[in-house]
Amino acid sequence: MLEPYLDELVIQAPELTIRRIASGEIFVAGISMSGKSNPDLTNWLLRQGKLEIKQAKIVWLDEKRNAASLSLDNLNLTVLSPLWRGLVKNHTFSLSSAISAGTSNPILVSGSFYGDDVSQTEKWHGKITLQLKNANLAAFKTWADYPVDIQSGIGSANISLDFASHQVQSITSNVNIENLQLQTKPDASPITLRKLAGNLNWKNLNKFHLVGTTPKKFGHSSVLII
């Protein structure tokens, strides 16, 4: 079926609100995500040569956590899907955005992925890289849960992850955190580290398993504490 193809499509200064109500249901621009969605428009956008979203604003309202609003401001997104890459369903993207809490530096995200249908993301695979500089880690506790209670810490990180089938396959990261304080147990004294720096690597080794066995996930990591 013939359809219009654009070498470049630019969307200027859109604003979007994403809201999670107390029951956990999520609404995007007032539309519930719990029902069946039509992916035709999003899939068509992925088939264009270049999609640019400039100076966007996204607001996250989390009523389930009773949290203050969190916004991404001056968000710029570029998705490249030239015809030769479209033959193998490959897309590359880059994103930069200011965030209303945690750091005054922009968040940078880039990556490459294979897939052409947003209703079948379980078939997608690719790589995503995140760069975060001088972030107040404790500030994000309002909107996210950490494995341990981080009471303070200013850090930078460069994190790359490979994904497939809705699972993270590997993570490679370089972190540098100063004045880190962790509360591992409510009745224990906090752990204080003047500086934590090094490389963290993890790989999902559960890629193949015998029929009839219970799959187990393994990983490995390394960290240098200074």
Foldseek 3Di string as FASTA:
>chain_A
DDDDEALEDEAEAEEWEWEQAQVRWIAINNHTPPDDDDQVVVLRVLQHQKYKYFQYKYWYHYNNLPFDIKMWTRKIKMKGCHPVNVVQQKIKMKIWTAIPAFDRHIKIKIWMKHDRTPVPCLAMWIKMKIWDAQGWVQGCVSPDDDPWRKPTKTKIKIKMFIDHRPDTFKIKMWMKIAFTWTDRDPPDDIDTARIWTDMWIWGFPQPDDDPPDDTDTDIDTDTDGD
